[in-house]
Amino acid sequence: MAWDTEGTRKRLKEAATAEFAERGPDGTTMARIADRAGINKERLYKYFGDKQALFDSVLADELEKLAASVTHPDGPFEDIGEFAGRTFDYHADHPELARLLLWEGLSGAPAADGSNRTKHYRDKVRAVAQAQRDGHLATDFDPAYLVFMLIAQAAWWSAVPQVAHMLTGADPADPEERAKRRAWVVRAARKMAVPGG
């Protein structure tokens, strides 16, 4: 019987994503990840090497999914609000991503796939700077800081749900509350970034 390598790798990555999001790289073990996937620990080491390499691979994959899902509009950032809204949607649907990023930041280790991620973010900064030069976006914000603020306001709802609950008293699982939060993110992005917003 042939071994389903891709299926095995997928199950291991899904288990690792859940474990790392829940416990962080220092709080889990390769054995826990293998047990969660129902796969032998040696296979996990064979496919991914050590735990840090696995964490880096998981985070890089999750960020690639985000980038593929939340592309900026065709042409310049003419609707920066909708870009922020799609970023909010992705984080609301994938709260594990914010947790993985927080664990990465807490670890003090070099960023996973740092050169590719830096290129990706700098491409966004260049696109925002071009939209500013073209008059689509306000010029009173440094484009790098603007991109960071857009990501923060979209993702922070999922990163610290306890703070959102303390402030709003609302359940994030309520569809009306989610729509309200998204609308706020879209409106805030437009107010912040669009001339006369």
C-alpha atoms as a PDB file:
ATOM      1  CA  MET A   1       0.000   0.000   0.000  1.00  0.00           C
ATOM      2  CA  ALA A   2       1.421   3.416  -0.996  1.00  0.00           C
ATOM      3  CA  TRP A   3       1.907   5.992   1.726  1.00  0.00           C
ATOM      4  CA  ASP A   4      -0.196   9.158   1.287  1.00  0.00           C
ATOM      5  CA  THR A   5       2.652  11.635   1.752  1.00  0.00           C
ATOM      6  CA  GLU A   6       0.652  14.773   0.927  1.00  0.00           C
ATOM      7  CA  GLY A   7      -2.273  13.720   3.131  1.00  0.00           C
ATOM      8  CA  THR A   8       0.096  12.940   5.983  1.00  0.00           C
ATOM      9  CA  ARG A   9       1.902  16.280   5.652  1.00  0.00           C
ATOM     10  CA  LYS A  10      -1.443  18.085   5.574  1.00  0.00           C
ATOM     11  CA  ARG A  11      -2.683  16.357   8.741  1.00  0.00           C
ATOM     12  CA  LEU A  12       0.603  17.076  10.503  1.00  0.00           C
ATOM     13  CA  LYS A  13       0.475  20.750   9.519  1.00  0.00           C
ATOM     14  CA  GLU A  14      -3.150  21.077  10.627  1.00  0.00           C
ATOM     15  CA  ALA A  15      -2.283  19.514  13.978  1.00  0.00           C
ATOM     16  CA  ALA A  16       0.802  21.712  14.312  1.00  0.00           C
ATOM     17  CA  THR A  17      -1.189  24.845  13.475  1.00  0.00           C
ATOM     18  CA  ALA A  18      -3.725  24.055  16.186  1.00  0.00           C
ATOM     19  CA  GLU A  19      -1.077  23.128  18.761  1.00  0.00           C
ATOM     20  CA  PHE A  20       1.117  26.149  18.075  1.00  0.00           C
ATOM     21  CA  ALA A  21      -1.867  28.515  18.116  1.00  0.00           C
ATOM     22  CA  GLU A  22      -3.054  27.095  21.440  1.00  0.00           C
ATOM     23  CA  ARG A  23       0.265  26.639  23.234  1.00  0.00           C
ATOM     24  CA  GLY A  24       2.982  28.392  21.247  1.00  0.00           C
ATOM     25  CA  PRO A  25       6.167  26.724  20.072  1.00  0.00           C
ATOM     26  CA  ASP A  26       7.580  26.487  23.590  1.00  0.00           C
ATOM     27  CA  GLY A  27       4.366  25.124  25.080  1.00  0.00           C
ATOM     28  CA  THR A  28       3.909  22.089  22.880  1.00  0.00           C
ATOM     29  CA  THR A  29       5.997  19.149  21.793  1.00  0.00           C
ATOM     30  CA  MET A  30       6.512  17.238  18.598  1.00  0.00           C
ATOM     31  CA  ALA A  31       4.936  14.243  20.355  1.00  0.00           C
ATOM     32  CA  ARG A  32       1.738  16.235  21.076  1.00  0.00           C
ATOM     33  CA  ILE A  33       1.560  17.358  17.463  1.00  0.00           C
ATOM     34  CA  ALA A  34       2.071  13.808  16.169  1.00  0.00           C
ATOM     35  CA  ASP A  35      -0.529  12.448  18.620  1.00  0.00           C
ATOM     36  CA  ARG A  36      -3.030  15.102  17.578  1.00  0.00           C
ATOM     37  CA  ALA A  37      -2.487  14.157  13.917  1.00  0.00           C
ATOM     38  CA  GLY A  38      -2.597  10.449  14.707  1.00  0.00           C
ATOM     39  CA  ILE A  39       0.763   9.967  13.019  1.00  0.00           C
ATOM     40  CA  ASN A  40       4.073   8.585  14.212  1.00  0.00           C
ATOM     41  CA  LYS A  41       6.418  11.230  15.676  1.00  0.00           C
ATOM     42  CA  GLU A  42       9.336  10.003  13.567  1.00  0.00           C
ATOM     43  CA  ARG A  43       7.401  10.848  10.402  1.00  0.00           C
ATOM     44  CA  LEU A  44       6.895  14.382  11.730  1.00  0.00           C
ATOM     45  CA  TYR A  45      10.642  14.804  12.222  1.00  0.00           C
ATOM     46  CA  LYS A  46      11.315  13.288   8.792  1.00  0.00           C
ATOM     47  CA  TYR A  47       9.028  15.734   7.017  1.00  0.00           C
ATOM     48  CA  PHE A  48       9.739  18.913   8.952  1.00  0.00           C
ATOM     49  CA  GLY A  49      12.948  18.563  10.949  1.00  0.00           C
ATOM     50  CA  ASP A  50      12.854  20.222  14.349  1.00  0.00           C
ATOM     51  CA  LYS A  51      10.042  22.073  16.095  1.00  0.00           C
ATOM     52  CA  GLN A  52      11.246  25.550  15.110  1.00  0.00           C
ATOM     53  CA  ALA A  53      11.406  24.553  11.455  1.00  0.00           C
ATOM     54  CA  LEU A  54       7.869  23.179  11.719  1.00  0.00           C
ATOM     55  CA  PHE A  55       6.606  26.372  13.397  1.00  0.00           C
ATOM     56  CA  ASP A  56       8.265  28.478  10.692  1.00  0.00           C
ATOM     57  CA  SER A  57       6.710  26.321   7.975  1.00  0.00           C
ATOM     58  CA  VAL A  58       3.254  26.523   9.545  1.00  0.00           C
ATOM     59  CA  LEU A  59       3.404  30.293   9.949  1.00  0.00           C
ATOM     60  CA  ALA A  60       4.750  30.834   6.425  1.00  0.00           C
ATOM     61  CA  ASP A  61       1.918  28.705   5.007  1.00  0.00           C
ATOM     62  CA  GLU A  62      -0.715  30.580   7.011  1.00  0.00           C
ATOM     63  CA  LEU A  63       0.638  33.929   5.832  1.00  0.00           C
ATOM     64  CA  GLU A  64       0.656  32.731   2.219  1.00  0.00           C
ATOM     65  CA  LYS A  65      -3.034  31.858   2.604  1.00  0.00           C
ATOM     66  CA  LEU A  66      -3.710  35.351   3.951  1.00  0.00           C
ATOM     67  CA  ALA A  67      -1.795  36.990   1.093  1.00  0.00           C
ATOM     68  CA  ALA A  68      -3.649  34.915  -1.502  1.00  0.00           C
ATOM     69  CA  SER A  69      -7.005  35.714   0.080  1.00  0.00           C
ATOM     70  CA  VAL A  70      -6.503  39.422   0.769  1.00  0.00           C
ATOM     71  CA  THR A  71      -4.918  40.910  -2.311  1.00  0.00           C
ATOM     72  CA  HIS A  72      -5.227  44.624  -2.831  1.00  0.00           C
ATOM     73  CA  PRO A  73      -7.743  45.735  -5.457  1.00  0.00           C
ATOM     74  CA  ASP A  74      -6.776  45.738  -9.118  1.00  0.00           C
ATOM     75  CA  GLY A  75      -4.973  48.991  -9.708  1.00  0.00           C
ATOM     76  CA  PRO A  76      -4.253  51.420  -6.877  1.00  0.00           C
ATOM     77  CA  PHE A  77      -5.672  51.180  -3.386  1.00  0.00           C
ATOM     78  CA  GLU A  78      -8.776  53.070  -4.457  1.00  0.00           C
ATOM     79  CA  ASP A  79     -10.913  51.376  -1.817  1.00  0.00           C
ATOM     80  CA  ILE A  80      -8.612  51.047   1.148  1.00  0.00           C
ATOM     81  CA  GLY A  81     -11.643  50.447   3.375  1.00  0.00           C
ATOM     82  CA  GLU A  82     -12.625  47.298   1.543  1.00  0.00           C
ATOM     83  CA  PHE A  83      -9.030  46.082   1.674  1.00  0.00           C
ATOM     84  CA  ALA A  84      -9.133  46.545   5.471  1.00  0.00           C
ATOM     85  CA  GLY A  85     -12.529  44.828   5.581  1.00  0.00           C
ATOM     86  CA  ARG A  86     -11.228  41.771   3.721  1.00  0.00           C
ATOM     87  CA  THR A  87      -8.259  41.681   6.105  1.00  0.00           C
ATOM     88  CA  PHE A  88     -10.712  41.762   9.030  1.00  0.00           C
ATOM     89  CA  ASP A  89     -12.755  38.942   7.448  1.00  0.00           C
ATOM     90  CA  TYR A  90      -9.703  36.752   7.046  1.00  0.00           C
ATOM     91  CA  HIS A  91      -8.569  37.221  10.630  1.00  0.00           C
ATOM     92  CA  ALA A  92     -12.105  36.688  11.952  1.00  0.00           C
ATOM     93  CA  ASP A  93     -12.302  33.406  10.000  1.00  0.00           C
ATOM     94  CA  HIS A  94      -8.745  32.357  10.969  1.00  0.00           C
ATOM     95  CA  PRO A  95      -8.078  33.583  14.528  1.00  0.00           C
ATOM     96  CA  GLU A  96      -5.184  31.140  14.811  1.00  0.00           C
ATOM     97  CA  LEU A  97      -3.109  33.391  12.524  1.00  0.00           C
ATOM     98  CA  ALA A  98      -3.021  36.270  15.010  1.00  0.00           C
ATOM     99  CA  ARG A  99      -2.112  33.854  17.782  1.00  0.00           C
ATOM    100  CA  LEU A 100       0.736  32.395  15.719  1.00  0.00           C
ATOM    101  CA  LEU A 101       2.051  35.889  15.019  1.00  0.00           C
ATOM    102  CA  LEU A 102       1.857  36.785  18.703  1.00  0.00           C
ATOM    103  CA  TRP A 103       3.756  33.617  19.648  1.00  0.00           C
ATOM    104  CA  GLU A 104       6.375  34.424  17.022  1.00  0.00           C
ATOM    105  CA  GLY A 105       6.809  37.908  18.450  1.00  0.00           C
ATOM    106  CA  LEU A 106       7.074  36.612  22.002  1.00  0.00           C
ATOM    107  CA  SER A 107       9.706  34.039  21.071  1.00  0.00           C
ATOM    108  CA  GLY A 108      12.313  36.578  20.053  1.00  0.00           C
ATOM    109  CA  ALA A 109      13.472  34.188  17.306  1.00  0.00           C
ATOM    110  CA  PRO A 110      14.054  35.483  13.768  1.00  0.00           C
ATOM    111  CA  ALA A 111      10.838  35.912  11.796  1.00  0.00           C
ATOM    112  CA  ALA A 112       9.693  32.872   9.842  1.00  0.00           C
ATOM    113  CA  ASP A 113      10.323  33.342   6.120  1.00  0.00           C
ATOM    114  CA  GLY A 114      11.480  36.867   6.950  1.00  0.00           C
ATOM    115  CA  SER A 115      12.856  37.883   3.554  1.00  0.00           C
ATOM    116  CA  ASN A 116       9.716  36.864   1.643  1.00  0.00           C
ATOM    117  CA  ARG A 117       7.445  38.447   4.217  1.00  0.00           C
ATOM    118  CA  THR A 118       9.453  41.657   4.172  1.00  0.00           C
ATOM    119  CA  LYS A 119       9.199  41.791   0.377  1.00  0.00           C
ATOM    120  CA  HIS A 120       5.438  41.188   0.554  1.00  0.00           C
ATOM    121  CA  TYR A 121       4.902  43.977   3.103  1.00  0.00           C
ATOM    122  CA  ARG A 122       7.183  46.401   1.290  1.00  0.00           C
ATOM    123  CA  ASP A 123       5.245  45.751  -1.925  1.00  0.00           C
ATOM    124  CA  LYS A 124       2.106  46.830  -0.054  1.00  0.00           C
ATOM    125  CA  VAL A 125       3.898  49.922   1.228  1.00  0.00           C
ATOM    126  CA  ARG A 126       4.992  50.799  -2.318  1.00  0.00           C
ATOM    127  CA  ALA A 127       1.414  50.354  -3.586  1.00  0.00           C
ATOM    128  CA  VAL A 128       0.083  52.637  -0.843  1.00  0.00           C
ATOM    129  CA  ALA A 129       2.805  55.215  -1.564  1.00  0.00           C
ATOM    130  CA  GLN A 130       1.841  55.145  -5.248  1.00  0.00           C
ATOM    131  CA  ALA A 131      -1.841  55.580  -4.357  1.00  0.00           C
ATOM    132  CA  GLN A 132      -0.834  58.574  -2.225  1.00  0.00           C
ATOM    133  CA  ARG A 133       1.136  60.100  -5.120  1.00  0.00           C
ATOM    134  CA  ASP A 134      -1.839  59.499  -7.427  1.00  0.00           C
ATOM    135  CA  GLY A 135      -4.156  61.322  -5.034  1.00  0.00           C
ATOM    136  CA  HIS A 136      -6.245  58.274  -4.043  1.00  0.00           C
ATOM    137  CA  LEU A 137      -4.968  58.228  -0.461  1.00  0.00           C
ATOM    138  CA  ALA A 138      -4.128  60.991   1.983  1.00  0.00           C
ATOM    139  CA  THR A 139      -0.462  61.888   2.210  1.00  0.00           C
ATOM    140  CA  ASP A 140      -0.321  62.813   5.899  1.00  0.00           C
ATOM    141  CA  PHE A 141       0.651  59.258   6.949  1.00  0.00           C
ATOM    142  CA  ASP A 142       3.916  57.511   6.234  1.00  0.00           C
ATOM    143  CA  PRO A 143       2.816  54.634   3.929  1.00  0.00           C
ATOM    144  CA  ALA A 144       4.568  51.967   6.043  1.00  0.00           C
ATOM    145  CA  TYR A 145       2.849  53.198   9.203  1.00  0.00           C
ATOM    146  CA  LEU A 146      -0.472  53.366   7.381  1.00  0.00           C
ATOM    147  CA  VAL A 147      -0.194  49.751   6.227  1.00  0.00           C
ATOM    148  CA  PHE A 148       0.701  48.682   9.769  1.00  0.00           C
ATOM    149  CA  MET A 149      -2.293  50.556  11.234  1.00  0.00           C
ATOM    150  CA  LEU A 150      -4.679  49.031   8.681  1.00  0.00           C
ATOM    151  CA  ILE A 151      -3.473  45.533   9.525  1.00  0.00           C
ATOM    152  CA  ALA A 152      -3.633  46.256  13.259  1.00  0.00           C
ATOM    153  CA  GLN A 153      -7.157  47.608  13.266  1.00  0.00           C
ATOM    154  CA  ALA A 154      -8.348  44.677  11.160  1.00  0.00           C
ATOM    155  CA  ALA A 155      -6.537  41.907  13.065  1.00  0.00           C
ATOM    156  CA  TRP A 156      -6.554  43.065  16.670  1.00  0.00           C
ATOM    157  CA  TRP A 157     -10.223  42.112  17.137  1.00  0.00           C
ATOM    158  CA  SER A 158      -9.201  38.467  16.713  1.00  0.00           C
ATOM    159  CA  ALA A 159      -5.839  38.774  18.440  1.00  0.00           C
ATOM    160  CA  VAL A 160      -7.294  39.933  21.768  1.00  0.00           C
ATOM    161  CA  PRO A 161     -10.947  38.869  21.807  1.00  0.00           C
ATOM    162  CA  GLN A 162     -11.066  39.243  25.580  1.00  0.00           C
ATOM    163  CA  VAL A 163     -10.301  42.972  25.315  1.00  0.00           C
ATOM    164  CA  ALA A 164     -12.892  43.395  22.551  1.00  0.00           C
ATOM    165  CA  HIS A 165     -15.447  41.681  24.808  1.00  0.00           C
ATOM    166  CA  MET A 166     -14.523  43.845  27.809  1.00  0.00           C
ATOM    167  CA  LEU A 167     -14.939  46.989  25.743  1.00  0.00           C
ATOM    168  CA  THR A 168     -18.067  46.070  23.792  1.00  0.00           C
ATOM    169  CA  GLY A 169     -19.713  43.383  25.933  1.00  0.00           C
ATOM    170  CA  ALA A 170     -20.589  41.693  22.646  1.00  0.00           C
ATOM    171  CA  ASP A 171     -20.143  38.121  21.469  1.00  0.00           C
ATOM    172  CA  PRO A 172     -17.855  38.000  18.401  1.00  0.00           C
ATOM    173  CA  ALA A 173     -19.723  34.912  17.167  1.00  0.00           C
ATOM    174  CA  ASP A 174     -22.912  36.992  16.770  1.00  0.00           C
ATOM    175  CA  PRO A 175     -23.264  37.747  13.035  1.00  0.00           C
ATOM    176  CA  GLU A 176     -24.589  41.237  13.749  1.00  0.00           C
ATOM    177  CA  GLU A 177     -21.609  42.023  15.980  1.00  0.00           C
ATOM    178  CA  ARG A 178     -19.189  40.719  13.378  1.00  0.00           C
ATOM    179  CA  ALA A 179     -20.834  42.879  10.699  1.00  0.00           C
ATOM    180  CA  LYS A 180     -20.674  45.893  13.019  1.00  0.00           C
ATOM    181  CA  ARG A 181     -16.967  45.331  13.696  1.00  0.00           C
ATOM    182  CA  ARG A 182     -16.227  44.913   9.999  1.00  0.00           C
ATOM    183  CA  ALA A 183     -18.143  48.075   9.137  1.00  0.00           C
ATOM    184  CA  TRP A 184     -16.157  49.948  11.773  1.00  0.00           C
ATOM    185  CA  VAL A 185     -12.848  48.689  10.337  1.00  0.00           C
ATOM    186  CA  VAL A 186     -13.873  49.721   6.807  1.00  0.00           C
ATOM    187  CA  ARG A 187     -15.070  53.143   7.944  1.00  0.00           C
ATOM    188  CA  ALA A 188     -11.998  53.781  10.109  1.00  0.00           C
ATOM    189  CA  ALA A 189      -9.663  52.841   7.253  1.00  0.00           C
ATOM    190  CA  ARG A 190     -11.431  55.230   4.896  1.00  0.00           C
ATOM    191  CA  LYS A 191     -11.469  58.026   7.483  1.00  0.00           C
ATOM    192  CA  MET A 192      -7.791  57.545   8.168  1.00  0.00           C
ATOM    193  CA  ALA A 193      -6.520  57.063   4.627  1.00  0.00           C
ATOM    194  CA  VAL A 194      -8.818  58.704   2.101  1.00  0.00           C
ATOM    195  CA  PRO A 195      -8.550  62.447   1.474  1.00  0.00           C
ATOM    196  CA  GLY A 196     -11.627  64.029   3.043  1.00  0.00           C
ATOM    197  CA  GLY A 197     -12.550  60.534   4.358  1.00  0.00           C
END
